[in-house]
Amino acid sequence: MNMNAFLNKFMMYYEIKRMSLAGRSVSKISKALNCNRRTVKKYLEMDDGEFDAFVRTQSCRQKILLPYETFVFDRLVSFRDTSSAQIHDLLKEKHDEFPKVNQKTIYNFVKWIRCKYNLPFEPAIRDYSAVDETPFGLQAQVDFGEYNIRSSNGKRVKVYFFTLVLSRSRYKYVNFSAKPYTTRTAIEAHELAFSFIKGIPTEVVYDQDKVFISNENSGDIILTTQFKKYVRDRHFQYHFCRKSDPESKGKIENVVKYVKQNFLYNRTFHDLATLNTDAVSWLARTANKLEHGSTKRPPVDEWIIEQPLLTPYHPVMIPDLPILLYTVRKDNTISWKSNFYSLPLGTYTGRGTSVSAQNQENELVLFDKNNKELCRHHIPIGTGKKVLKAAHKRDASIATDELISQLHNYSCEGESLDKFIESIKRDKPRYLRDQLLLLLKLIKDIDTGTINRVLDFCNQKGINSVNDLSKILGTFQKAPMDENIQTSAINPLSDEPSIMALIQPLTSNISDYNSIMNPIIN
């Protein structure tokens, strides 16, 4: 360490001590001396002997890194914006013998070289040029935002919002949602925005958002199916900015900031409808009413000029997402695009069980045959994965005895039910709870007499599977048998019956045939 550096540290140390004795706080000392608070605290915790040892240690470390001064100097001359972390990595990459030192030491070494050779940090400069104002009616910009707003009960609630601004007039629109926007809800927000501005611009500028893009495709952007159809139906052009380049659409970025800092800041959230109503009022009295900083005119006055030049707006019906059917596997899962998704226990009721699936952007929504929603899954990246929910596993919170008690409450014959359960316990003890849950779900809509007869049949035939019981029950409900078979008496033509008529032929037991032709015996 050279003499100037030593004196600087020495003077800094004693000045910190002096100001502390004068009653100054760490923060005030830090501001007065333009140094880090941690440095102030570290020096205050040292005595004179510890400070002397610390300075000597710094001197030794500085000498260890001196052989690399030329390398660091050349790098900083060529690239002023190189960080100390990158310098550290380059030193280890280019010099196998580079000693193991602390990152803070590297930072101090790089800072020392910058001061010694007057090489201040200079970030890469991007060239800007003024652009002409876009013609009226030509362009709008769209973006999304999110904000943690304080609710009426004092808790924080995250809200999401969609914003649109006409590039020339700066006429704005904002719409709020309680959930992240999907393609469908974003299209609905477009419709609300076009209705609000009373027209459709020729071109809309977007960020590269997954709501609109399914694949960047190395620049040849592929739109999501629904948004592609919407753009085609609405006849407006679209333009996507470069990824992570907010400066290319500064007008809408300023609107997002304006919504957060002017409308949402310190506002209390009651409900979504109230928030959207308040937003429309805010647009009318402030965002579109006050003079704009660049145009020096209120956006509403400019919009009066721009609105006739927009394409006339007429509402359109937004089609529902297509619903596809998928076969449910025995383990209560479906295969969708090479991934497996779980379903609630009991969804599988036998061969042919199917559910409908709907892709709502990043969520796969599954419905039963009555179009009732069963569950939702986040769609992962990649294939060959199992997407499972803990709630879809068997309900271990319900004890076996409680399930049996619930089954008895449905007026099942105790003896038949107990015998059926005992057979399950004997052959499938591991799956007893699962079987009882399935049976409980099955018999809720079946009359007592029918379920009792089916239980008797299963006990007679040694059947101990609820899935098999379900199939037998379905067969019985389709073709029940009649036990009362009527036979007519023989009336001979002569007064005396013939000898042949008196002969009793051998007969077979009809139940033998019934057991073959029809599995249900009444």
Protein backbone atom coordinates (compact mmCIF):
# COMPACT_ATOMS: atom_id res chain seq x y z
CA MET A 1 0.00 0.00 0.00
CA ASN A 2 1.46 3.39 -0.98
CA MET A 3 1.81 6.23 1.48
CA ASN A 4 -1.18 8.21 0.18
CA ALA A 5 -3.51 5.26 0.58
CA PHE A 6 -2.21 4.61 4.09
CA LEU A 7 -2.69 8.25 5.09
CA ASN A 8 -6.21 8.28 3.66
CA LYS A 9 -7.19 5.24 5.73
CA PHE A 10 -5.46 6.68 8.81
CA MET A 11 -7.27 10.00 8.50
CA MET A 12 -10.58 8.26 7.82
CA TYR A 13 -10.17 6.09 10.93
CA TYR A 14 -9.45 8.96 13.32
CA GLU A 15 -12.12 11.21 11.79
CA ILE A 16 -14.72 8.47 12.34
CA LYS A 17 -13.58 8.10 15.95
CA ARG A 18 -13.74 11.89 16.50
CA MET A 19 -17.24 12.24 15.04
CA SER A 20 -18.47 9.28 17.07
CA LEU A 21 -17.17 10.84 20.30
CA ALA A 22 -18.99 14.03 19.29
CA GLY A 23 -22.26 12.08 19.33
CA ARG A 24 -22.79 11.63 15.59
CA SER A 25 -24.66 8.52 14.47
CA VAL A 26 -23.29 5.94 12.04
CA SER A 27 -25.60 7.18 9.28
CA LYS A 28 -24.56 10.82 9.73
CA ILE A 29 -20.85 9.89 9.79
CA SER A 30 -21.35 7.82 6.63
CA LYS A 31 -23.01 10.73 4.80
CA ALA A 32 -20.48 13.29 6.01
CA LEU A 33 -17.42 11.24 4.97
CA ASN A 34 -19.06 9.68 1.88
CA CYS A 35 -18.23 6.13 2.90
CA ASN A 36 -20.19 2.95 3.49
CA ARG A 37 -22.04 2.46 6.78
CA ARG A 38 -20.41 -0.95 7.19
CA THR A 39 -16.97 0.67 6.95
CA VAL A 40 -17.93 3.15 9.68
CA LYS A 41 -19.20 0.37 11.96
CA LYS A 42 -16.08 -1.74 11.31
CA TYR A 43 -13.72 1.12 12.19
CA LEU A 44 -15.70 2.00 15.33
CA GLU A 45 -15.35 -1.59 16.58
CA MET A 46 -11.52 -1.45 16.20
CA ASP A 47 -8.97 -0.08 18.63
CA ASP A 48 -5.66 1.45 17.47
CA GLY A 49 -3.79 -1.87 17.56
CA GLU A 50 -6.45 -3.70 15.54
CA PHE A 51 -6.52 -0.89 12.98
CA ASP A 52 -2.73 -1.06 12.55
CA ALA A 53 -2.90 -4.84 12.01
CA PHE A 54 -5.77 -4.38 9.55
CA VAL A 55 -3.79 -1.84 7.47
CA ARG A 56 -0.75 -4.14 7.36
CA THR A 57 -2.95 -7.02 6.18
CA GLN A 58 -4.37 -4.83 3.41
CA SER A 59 -0.84 -3.93 2.39
CA CYS A 60 0.19 -7.58 2.10
CA ARG A 61 -2.83 -8.49 0.01
CA GLN A 62 -2.21 -5.56 -2.26
CA LYS A 63 1.31 -6.85 -2.95
CA ILE A 64 -0.04 -10.32 -3.75
CA LEU A 65 -2.16 -8.88 -6.59
CA LEU A 66 0.42 -6.46 -7.94
CA PRO A 67 1.71 -8.95 -10.59
CA TYR A 68 -1.75 -8.77 -12.21
CA GLU A 69 -1.88 -4.98 -12.39
CA THR A 70 -0.99 -4.85 -16.09
CA PHE A 71 -3.66 -7.41 -17.01
CA VAL A 72 -6.38 -5.51 -15.13
CA PHE A 73 -5.17 -2.18 -16.53
CA ASP A 74 -5.32 -3.40 -20.14
CA ARG A 75 -8.82 -4.78 -19.59
CA LEU A 76 -10.12 -1.56 -18.08
CA VAL A 77 -8.58 0.55 -20.84
CA SER A 78 -10.37 -1.54 -23.48
CA PHE A 79 -13.66 -1.97 -21.61
CA ARG A 80 -14.40 0.69 -19.00
CA ASP A 81 -17.68 -0.98 -17.98
CA THR A 82 -16.01 -4.24 -16.83
CA SER A 83 -17.10 -5.09 -13.28
CA SER A 84 -14.78 -6.29 -10.53
CA ALA A 85 -16.65 -9.63 -10.45
CA GLN A 86 -15.89 -10.18 -14.14
CA ILE A 87 -12.26 -9.14 -13.59
CA HIS A 88 -12.03 -11.76 -10.83
CA ASP A 89 -13.36 -14.47 -13.14
CA LEU A 90 -11.03 -13.44 -15.98
CA LEU A 91 -8.02 -13.54 -13.66
CA LYS A 92 -8.88 -17.09 -12.61
CA GLU A 93 -9.52 -18.08 -16.24
CA LYS A 94 -6.28 -16.65 -17.65
CA HIS A 95 -3.96 -17.42 -14.72
CA ASP A 96 -3.97 -20.94 -13.34
CA GLU A 97 -1.71 -19.88 -10.47
CA PHE A 98 -4.00 -17.03 -9.38
CA PRO A 99 -4.15 -17.02 -5.55
CA LYS A 100 -7.36 -17.51 -3.61
CA VAL A 101 -8.43 -14.10 -2.34
CA ASN A 102 -11.66 -12.55 -1.15
CA GLN A 103 -13.98 -10.88 -3.67
CA LYS A 104 -13.80 -7.68 -1.64
CA THR A 105 -10.02 -7.72 -2.16
CA ILE A 106 -10.53 -7.88 -5.92
CA TYR A 107 -13.02 -5.02 -5.71
CA ASN A 108 -10.54 -2.88 -3.78
CA PHE A 109 -7.73 -3.79 -6.21
CA VAL A 110 -9.80 -2.83 -9.27
CA LYS A 111 -10.90 0.38 -7.57
CA TRP A 112 -7.27 1.21 -6.76
CA ILE A 113 -6.24 0.73 -10.41
CA ARG A 114 -9.14 2.91 -11.61
CA CYS A 115 -8.05 5.70 -9.26
CA LYS A 116 -4.35 5.31 -10.06
CA TYR A 117 -4.78 5.51 -13.84
CA ASN A 118 -7.95 7.64 -13.91
CA LEU A 119 -10.14 4.93 -15.46
CA PRO A 120 -13.62 5.63 -14.07
CA PHE A 121 -16.47 3.23 -14.70
CA GLU A 122 -18.27 4.20 -17.91
CA PRO A 123 -21.39 2.19 -18.75
CA ALA A 124 -22.10 1.34 -22.36
CA ILE A 125 -23.84 4.29 -23.97
CA ARG A 126 -26.83 3.75 -26.21
CA ASP A 127 -27.31 6.28 -28.98
CA TYR A 128 -30.73 7.88 -29.10
CA SER A 129 -32.37 10.06 -31.70
CA ALA A 130 -35.64 11.92 -31.72
CA VAL A 131 -38.45 10.27 -33.66
CA ASP A 132 -41.30 11.93 -35.45
CA GLU A 133 -44.72 11.90 -33.87
CA THR A 134 -46.79 9.04 -35.27
CA PRO A 135 -49.79 10.09 -37.37
CA PHE A 136 -53.19 10.21 -35.73
CA GLY A 137 -54.93 6.84 -35.71
CA LEU A 138 -51.84 4.85 -36.66
CA GLN A 139 -50.49 3.27 -33.48
CA ALA A 140 -51.33 2.17 -29.95
CA GLN A 141 -49.05 0.54 -27.37
CA VAL A 142 -50.10 -2.20 -24.92
CA ASP A 143 -48.45 -3.53 -21.76
CA PHE A 144 -49.26 -5.28 -18.48
CA GLY A 145 -48.44 -4.42 -14.89
CA GLU A 146 -49.00 -5.68 -11.36
CA TYR A 147 -49.17 -3.99 -7.99
CA ASN A 148 -49.51 -4.97 -4.32
CA ILE A 149 -52.34 -2.79 -3.05
CA ARG A 150 -53.51 -2.48 0.54
CA SER A 151 -56.99 -3.92 1.12
CA SER A 152 -59.65 -2.64 3.51
CA ASN A 153 -58.62 -5.23 6.13
CA GLY A 154 -55.02 -4.00 6.11
CA LYS A 155 -53.56 -6.91 4.11
CA ARG A 156 -51.78 -6.65 0.78
CA VAL A 157 -53.57 -7.87 -2.36
CA LYS A 158 -51.88 -8.29 -5.73
CA VAL A 159 -53.82 -6.88 -8.68
CA TYR A 160 -52.92 -7.13 -12.36
CA PHE A 161 -53.68 -4.51 -14.97
CA PHE A 162 -53.80 -4.05 -18.74
CA THR A 163 -52.94 -0.66 -20.21
CA LEU A 164 -53.31 0.83 -23.69
CA VAL A 165 -52.25 4.26 -24.92
CA LEU A 166 -52.74 5.90 -28.32
CA SER A 167 -49.23 6.91 -29.38
CA ARG A 168 -50.16 10.30 -30.86
CA SER A 169 -52.83 11.67 -28.55
CA ARG A 170 -51.56 9.84 -25.38
CA TYR A 171 -55.18 8.91 -24.65
CA LYS A 172 -55.05 6.11 -22.07
CA TYR A 173 -57.07 3.13 -20.85
CA VAL A 174 -56.52 0.74 -17.92
CA ASN A 175 -58.31 -2.44 -16.85
CA PHE A 176 -57.72 -4.40 -13.63
CA SER A 177 -57.91 -8.15 -12.94
CA ALA A 178 -57.57 -10.29 -9.83
CA LYS A 179 -55.68 -12.99 -11.77
CA PRO A 180 -52.79 -12.90 -14.26
CA TYR A 181 -54.03 -12.24 -17.77
CA THR A 182 -54.51 -15.16 -20.12
CA THR A 183 -54.96 -14.91 -23.88
CA ARG A 184 -58.73 -14.87 -23.49
CA THR A 185 -58.83 -12.24 -20.71
CA ALA A 186 -56.27 -10.13 -22.60
CA ILE A 187 -58.51 -10.25 -25.69
CA GLU A 188 -61.46 -9.21 -23.53
CA ALA A 189 -59.35 -6.30 -22.24
CA HIS A 190 -58.61 -5.32 -25.86
CA GLU A 191 -62.34 -5.21 -26.54
CA LEU A 192 -62.94 -3.01 -23.51
CA ALA A 193 -60.08 -0.71 -24.55
CA PHE A 194 -61.28 -0.39 -28.17
CA SER A 195 -64.77 0.35 -26.88
CA PHE A 196 -63.36 3.01 -24.53
CA ILE A 197 -61.33 4.80 -27.23
CA LYS A 198 -64.19 4.24 -29.73
CA GLY A 199 -62.06 2.76 -32.46
CA ILE A 200 -59.19 0.48 -33.45
CA PRO A 201 -55.72 1.77 -34.45
CA THR A 202 -53.92 0.49 -37.53
CA GLU A 203 -51.06 -1.01 -35.49
CA VAL A 204 -50.61 -2.18 -31.90
CA VAL A 205 -47.15 -2.48 -30.31
CA TYR A 206 -46.53 -5.22 -27.72
CA ASP A 207 -43.80 -6.59 -25.52
CA GLN A 208 -42.86 -10.23 -26.14
CA ASP A 209 -45.36 -11.60 -23.64
CA LYS A 210 -46.31 -15.28 -23.35
CA VAL A 211 -49.97 -14.22 -23.35
CA PHE A 212 -49.63 -13.46 -27.06
CA ILE A 213 -46.63 -15.53 -28.20
CA SER A 214 -46.35 -19.31 -28.11
CA ASN A 215 -42.84 -19.42 -29.62
CA GLU A 216 -40.29 -16.73 -30.50
CA ASN A 217 -38.99 -19.03 -33.26
CA SER A 218 -35.70 -17.14 -33.74
CA GLY A 219 -37.49 -13.94 -34.69
CA ASP A 220 -40.29 -15.48 -36.76
CA ILE A 221 -42.78 -15.08 -33.93
CA ILE A 222 -45.59 -17.62 -33.61
CA LEU A 223 -48.74 -16.27 -31.99
CA THR A 224 -51.02 -18.23 -29.69
CA THR A 225 -53.91 -19.77 -31.63
CA GLN A 226 -56.65 -17.62 -30.09
CA PHE A 227 -54.75 -14.33 -30.37
CA LYS A 228 -53.82 -15.06 -33.98
CA LYS A 229 -57.50 -15.56 -34.81
CA TYR A 230 -58.43 -12.38 -32.95
CA VAL A 231 -55.87 -10.27 -34.83
CA ARG A 232 -57.09 -11.72 -38.12
CA ASP A 233 -60.72 -10.95 -37.27
CA ARG A 234 -59.97 -7.43 -36.03
CA HIS A 235 -57.76 -6.55 -39.03
CA PHE A 236 -55.05 -4.64 -37.15
CA GLN A 237 -51.31 -5.06 -37.53
CA TYR A 238 -49.11 -6.08 -34.62
CA HIS A 239 -45.49 -5.35 -33.77
CA PHE A 240 -43.48 -7.03 -31.00
CA CYS A 241 -40.53 -5.15 -29.51
CA ARG A 242 -37.22 -6.82 -28.80
CA LYS A 243 -37.20 -8.84 -25.60
CA SER A 244 -36.14 -6.94 -22.45
CA ASP A 245 -36.06 -3.62 -24.29
CA PRO A 246 -38.56 -1.32 -22.56
CA GLU A 247 -37.01 1.81 -24.07
CA SER A 248 -38.41 0.86 -27.49
CA LYS A 249 -41.96 1.46 -26.21
CA GLY A 250 -41.46 4.27 -23.76
CA LYS A 251 -44.97 5.71 -24.00
CA ILE A 252 -46.69 2.66 -22.52
CA GLU A 253 -43.90 2.14 -19.98
CA ASN A 254 -44.61 5.64 -18.69
CA VAL A 255 -48.32 4.82 -18.48
CA VAL A 256 -47.63 1.72 -16.36
CA LYS A 257 -45.48 3.85 -14.03
CA TYR A 258 -48.17 6.56 -13.99
CA VAL A 259 -50.87 4.06 -12.97
CA LYS A 260 -48.72 2.76 -10.11
CA GLN A 261 -47.49 6.10 -8.78
CA ASN A 262 -50.57 8.26 -9.31
CA PHE A 263 -53.64 6.03 -9.19
CA LEU A 264 -52.68 2.97 -7.12
CA TYR A 265 -50.26 4.53 -4.63
CA ASN A 266 -51.80 4.48 -1.11
CA ARG A 267 -55.21 3.51 -2.52
CA THR A 268 -57.41 1.09 -0.53
CA PHE A 269 -58.70 -1.99 -2.36
CA HIS A 270 -62.33 -2.96 -1.68
CA ASP A 271 -63.25 -5.13 -4.66
CA LEU A 272 -62.36 -5.43 -8.33
CA ALA A 273 -65.52 -3.78 -9.66
CA THR A 274 -64.96 -0.71 -7.49
CA LEU A 275 -61.31 -0.50 -8.55
CA ASN A 276 -62.22 -0.56 -12.26
CA THR A 277 -64.95 2.04 -11.72
CA ASP A 278 -62.52 4.30 -9.86
CA ALA A 279 -59.96 3.81 -12.65
CA VAL A 280 -62.41 5.08 -15.29
CA SER A 281 -63.10 8.15 -13.14
CA TRP A 282 -59.34 8.71 -12.69
CA LEU A 283 -58.82 8.52 -16.45
CA ALA A 284 -61.52 11.13 -17.00
CA ARG A 285 -60.38 13.66 -14.39
CA THR A 286 -56.59 13.16 -14.40
CA ALA A 287 -54.83 10.81 -16.82
CA ASN A 288 -56.66 12.01 -19.95
CA LYS A 289 -57.67 15.45 -18.67
CA LEU A 290 -54.44 17.08 -17.51
CA GLU A 291 -51.94 18.59 -19.93
CA HIS A 292 -49.36 16.07 -21.16
CA GLY A 293 -45.72 16.90 -20.50
CA SER A 294 -44.57 16.34 -24.09
CA THR A 295 -47.50 17.46 -26.25
CA LYS A 296 -48.48 20.28 -23.86
CA ARG A 297 -52.11 19.46 -24.61
CA PRO A 298 -54.68 17.37 -22.71
CA PRO A 299 -54.90 13.85 -24.19
CA VAL A 300 -58.70 14.12 -24.40
CA ASP A 301 -58.40 17.14 -26.73
CA GLU A 302 -55.95 15.27 -28.95
CA TRP A 303 -58.20 12.20 -28.88
CA ILE A 304 -61.08 14.25 -30.30
CA ILE A 305 -58.88 14.79 -33.37
CA GLU A 306 -57.65 11.18 -33.48
CA GLN A 307 -60.90 9.28 -32.87
CA PRO A 308 -62.44 9.84 -36.36
CA LEU A 309 -59.25 8.43 -37.91
CA LEU A 310 -59.51 5.13 -36.02
CA THR A 311 -61.14 2.08 -37.59
CA PRO A 312 -64.77 2.00 -36.38
CA TYR A 313 -65.31 -0.36 -33.47
CA HIS A 314 -68.03 -3.01 -33.56
CA PRO A 315 -68.26 -5.65 -30.80
CA VAL A 316 -67.42 -9.24 -31.75
CA MET A 317 -68.07 -12.56 -30.05
CA ILE A 318 -64.96 -14.10 -28.52
CA PRO A 319 -65.07 -17.86 -29.23
CA ASP A 320 -64.58 -20.29 -26.38
CA LEU A 321 -61.43 -22.35 -26.20
CA PRO A 322 -61.77 -25.81 -27.80
CA ILE A 323 -62.54 -28.65 -25.38
CA LEU A 324 -60.99 -32.07 -26.04
CA LEU A 325 -61.74 -35.44 -24.43
CA TYR A 326 -59.02 -37.55 -22.82
CA THR A 327 -59.19 -41.09 -21.46
CA VAL A 328 -58.74 -41.48 -17.71
CA ARG A 329 -56.19 -44.11 -16.71
CA LYS A 330 -56.65 -46.57 -13.85
CA ASP A 331 -54.40 -44.49 -11.60
CA ASN A 332 -56.70 -41.46 -12.05
CA THR A 333 -54.41 -39.59 -14.43
CA ILE A 334 -54.59 -38.45 -18.03
CA SER A 335 -51.85 -38.08 -20.60
CA TRP A 336 -51.75 -34.63 -22.20
CA LYS A 337 -48.95 -33.63 -24.56
CA SER A 338 -46.55 -36.26 -23.19
CA ASN A 339 -47.10 -35.31 -19.53
CA PHE A 340 -49.30 -37.00 -16.92
CA TYR A 341 -51.78 -34.98 -14.84
CA SER A 342 -53.55 -36.29 -11.74
CA LEU A 343 -57.30 -36.29 -11.14
CA PRO A 344 -59.27 -36.54 -7.88
CA LEU A 345 -59.48 -40.06 -6.48
CA GLY A 346 -62.51 -41.88 -7.85
CA THR A 347 -62.60 -40.13 -11.21
CA TYR A 348 -61.80 -43.44 -12.90
CA THR A 349 -64.99 -45.56 -12.86
CA GLY A 350 -64.03 -48.20 -15.37
CA ARG A 351 -63.10 -48.63 -18.99
CA GLY A 352 -64.14 -45.70 -21.15
CA THR A 353 -63.97 -43.05 -18.42
CA SER A 354 -63.00 -39.73 -19.96
CA VAL A 355 -62.69 -36.08 -19.02
CA SER A 356 -62.52 -32.93 -21.08
CA ALA A 357 -59.38 -30.80 -21.04
CA GLN A 358 -59.02 -27.13 -21.80
CA ASN A 359 -55.72 -25.33 -22.25
CA GLN A 360 -56.05 -21.90 -20.69
CA GLU A 361 -52.53 -20.72 -21.44
CA ASN A 362 -50.33 -21.91 -18.58
CA GLU A 363 -53.10 -23.90 -16.90
CA LEU A 364 -54.69 -27.19 -17.90
CA VAL A 365 -58.31 -27.24 -16.71
CA LEU A 366 -60.06 -30.63 -16.47
CA PHE A 367 -63.86 -31.11 -16.51
CA ASP A 368 -66.14 -34.10 -15.93
CA LYS A 369 -68.92 -35.27 -18.30
CA ASN A 370 -71.28 -32.66 -16.82
CA ASN A 371 -68.76 -29.90 -17.62
CA LYS A 372 -68.03 -29.43 -13.92
CA GLU A 373 -64.46 -28.35 -13.21
CA LEU A 374 -62.46 -31.11 -11.52
CA CYS A 375 -59.08 -29.46 -11.09
CA ARG A 376 -56.43 -27.17 -12.54
CA HIS A 377 -52.76 -27.89 -13.17
CA HIS A 378 -49.86 -25.62 -14.04
CA ILE A 379 -48.39 -26.77 -17.36
CA PRO A 380 -44.66 -27.48 -16.89
CA ILE A 381 -41.90 -26.95 -19.41
CA GLY A 382 -40.75 -30.14 -21.12
CA THR A 383 -42.21 -33.63 -21.46
CA GLY A 384 -42.24 -36.91 -19.57
CA LYS A 385 -43.26 -35.31 -16.29
CA LYS A 386 -45.91 -36.22 -13.72
CA VAL A 387 -47.93 -33.27 -12.47
CA LEU A 388 -49.59 -34.46 -9.26
CA LYS A 389 -51.59 -32.78 -6.52
CA ALA A 390 -51.49 -33.98 -2.94
CA ALA A 391 -55.24 -33.41 -2.67
CA HIS A 392 -55.78 -36.07 -5.34
CA LYS A 393 -54.33 -38.81 -3.21
CA ARG A 394 -56.56 -40.94 -1.03
CA ASP A 395 -58.16 -39.10 1.88
CA ALA A 396 -56.22 -40.39 4.87
CA SER A 397 -58.06 -38.01 7.18
CA ILE A 398 -61.19 -40.18 7.09
CA ALA A 399 -60.81 -43.28 9.26
CA THR A 400 -61.88 -46.65 7.91
CA ASP A 401 -64.43 -47.12 10.68
CA GLU A 402 -66.02 -43.78 9.83
CA LEU A 403 -66.33 -44.78 6.18
CA ILE A 404 -68.01 -48.06 7.11
CA SER A 405 -70.39 -46.15 9.39
CA GLN A 406 -71.28 -43.80 6.52
CA LEU A 407 -71.97 -46.79 4.28
CA HIS A 408 -74.33 -48.28 6.86
CA ASN A 409 -76.16 -44.96 7.02
CA TYR A 410 -77.24 -45.48 3.42
CA SER A 411 -79.42 -48.39 4.69
CA CYS A 412 -77.31 -51.14 3.20
CA GLU A 413 -77.99 -54.55 4.72
CA GLY A 414 -75.41 -54.82 7.43
CA GLU A 415 -74.67 -58.50 6.86
CA SER A 416 -74.19 -58.20 3.08
CA LEU A 417 -72.11 -55.05 3.40
CA ASP A 418 -69.93 -56.43 6.19
CA LYS A 419 -69.31 -59.63 4.24
CA PHE A 420 -68.28 -57.64 1.15
CA ILE A 421 -65.94 -55.44 3.22
CA GLU A 422 -64.39 -58.49 4.91
CA SER A 423 -63.55 -59.97 1.51
CA ILE A 424 -61.79 -56.72 0.58
CA LYS A 425 -59.89 -56.71 3.87
CA ARG A 426 -58.77 -60.27 3.26
CA ASP A 427 -57.60 -59.90 -0.34
CA LYS A 428 -56.79 -56.16 -0.65
CA PRO A 429 -56.00 -54.78 2.81
CA ARG A 430 -53.73 -52.09 1.41
CA TYR A 431 -56.53 -50.61 -0.70
CA LEU A 432 -59.38 -50.93 1.79
CA ARG A 433 -59.84 -47.18 2.30
CA ASP A 434 -59.69 -46.49 -1.45
CA GLN A 435 -62.30 -49.18 -2.10
CA LEU A 436 -64.60 -47.85 0.64
CA LEU A 437 -64.35 -44.31 -0.73
CA LEU A 438 -65.29 -45.56 -4.20
CA LEU A 439 -68.19 -47.58 -2.82
CA LEU A 440 -69.46 -44.59 -0.84
CA LYS A 441 -69.38 -42.44 -3.95
CA LEU A 442 -71.10 -45.16 -6.00
CA ILE A 443 -74.11 -45.90 -3.78
CA LYS A 444 -75.16 -42.31 -3.09
CA ASP A 445 -77.54 -42.23 -6.06
CA ILE A 446 -78.65 -45.91 -6.00
CA ASP A 447 -81.74 -47.21 -4.22
CA THR A 448 -81.17 -49.46 -1.22
CA GLY A 449 -82.85 -52.56 -2.66
CA THR A 450 -80.74 -52.54 -5.78
CA ILE A 451 -77.44 -52.13 -4.00
CA ASN A 452 -78.32 -54.88 -1.52
CA ARG A 453 -79.12 -57.37 -4.32
CA VAL A 454 -75.84 -56.50 -6.07
CA LEU A 455 -73.91 -56.97 -2.81
CA ASP A 456 -75.52 -60.40 -2.35
CA PHE A 457 -74.57 -61.41 -5.88
CA CYS A 458 -70.95 -60.25 -5.40
CA ASN A 459 -70.72 -62.20 -2.14
CA GLN A 460 -72.09 -65.35 -3.82
CA LYS A 461 -69.61 -65.10 -6.71
CA GLY A 462 -66.60 -64.11 -4.61
CA ILE A 463 -66.31 -60.65 -6.19
CA ASN A 464 -64.46 -58.15 -3.96
CA SER A 465 -63.77 -55.19 -6.24
CA VAL A 466 -65.87 -52.02 -6.21
CA ASN A 467 -65.02 -51.41 -9.86
CA ASP A 468 -66.45 -54.83 -10.75
CA LEU A 469 -69.45 -54.13 -8.54
CA SER A 470 -70.03 -50.91 -10.50
CA LYS A 471 -70.10 -52.83 -13.81
CA ILE A 472 -72.53 -55.43 -12.42
CA LEU A 473 -74.74 -52.66 -11.11
CA GLY A 474 -74.84 -51.07 -14.56
CA THR A 475 -75.84 -54.38 -16.16
CA PHE A 476 -78.60 -54.88 -13.63
CA GLN A 477 -80.01 -51.40 -14.18
CA LYS A 478 -80.11 -51.95 -17.95
CA ALA A 479 -81.82 -55.40 -17.91
CA PRO A 480 -83.52 -56.36 -14.60
CA MET A 481 -85.07 -59.84 -14.52
CA ASP A 482 -88.67 -60.72 -13.64
CA GLU A 483 -89.03 -63.49 -11.08
CA ASN A 484 -92.81 -64.02 -11.65
CA ILE A 485 -92.95 -66.27 -14.71
CA GLN A 486 -96.56 -67.31 -15.54
CA THR A 487 -97.31 -70.80 -17.03
CA SER A 488 -100.68 -71.91 -18.57
CA ALA A 489 -102.43 -75.23 -17.84
CA ILE A 490 -102.77 -77.89 -20.60
CA ASN A 491 -106.35 -78.42 -21.84
CA PRO A 492 -106.64 -81.84 -23.65
CA LEU A 493 -109.03 -82.16 -26.65
CA SER A 494 -110.61 -85.44 -25.45
CA ASP A 495 -112.32 -86.05 -22.13
CA GLU A 496 -109.45 -88.20 -20.87
CA PRO A 497 -105.88 -87.11 -21.06
CA SER A 498 -103.59 -89.19 -23.20
CA ILE A 499 -100.95 -91.33 -21.60
CA MET A 500 -98.21 -89.16 -23.13
CA ALA A 501 -99.73 -86.09 -21.58
CA LEU A 502 -99.44 -87.67 -18.17
CA ILE A 503 -95.73 -88.34 -18.58
CA GLN A 504 -93.60 -85.80 -16.67
CA PRO A 505 -90.53 -84.97 -18.80
CA LEU A 506 -87.10 -84.35 -17.34
CA THR A 507 -86.39 -80.65 -16.86
CA SER A 508 -83.24 -78.61 -16.46
CA ASN A 509 -82.75 -76.00 -13.80
CA ILE A 510 -83.39 -72.66 -15.50
CA SER A 511 -80.93 -70.96 -13.15
CA ASP A 512 -78.09 -72.78 -14.88
CA TYR A 513 -78.92 -71.01 -18.12
CA ASN A 514 -79.55 -67.71 -16.42
CA SER A 515 -76.12 -67.79 -14.81
CA ILE A 516 -74.59 -68.17 -18.27
CA MET A 517 -76.74 -65.77 -20.29
CA ASN A 518 -77.38 -63.13 -17.64
CA PRO A 519 -74.98 -62.50 -14.71
CA ILE A 520 -77.72 -61.04 -12.49
CA ILE A 521 -80.02 -63.46 -10.63
CA ASN A 522 -82.98 -62.05 -8.78
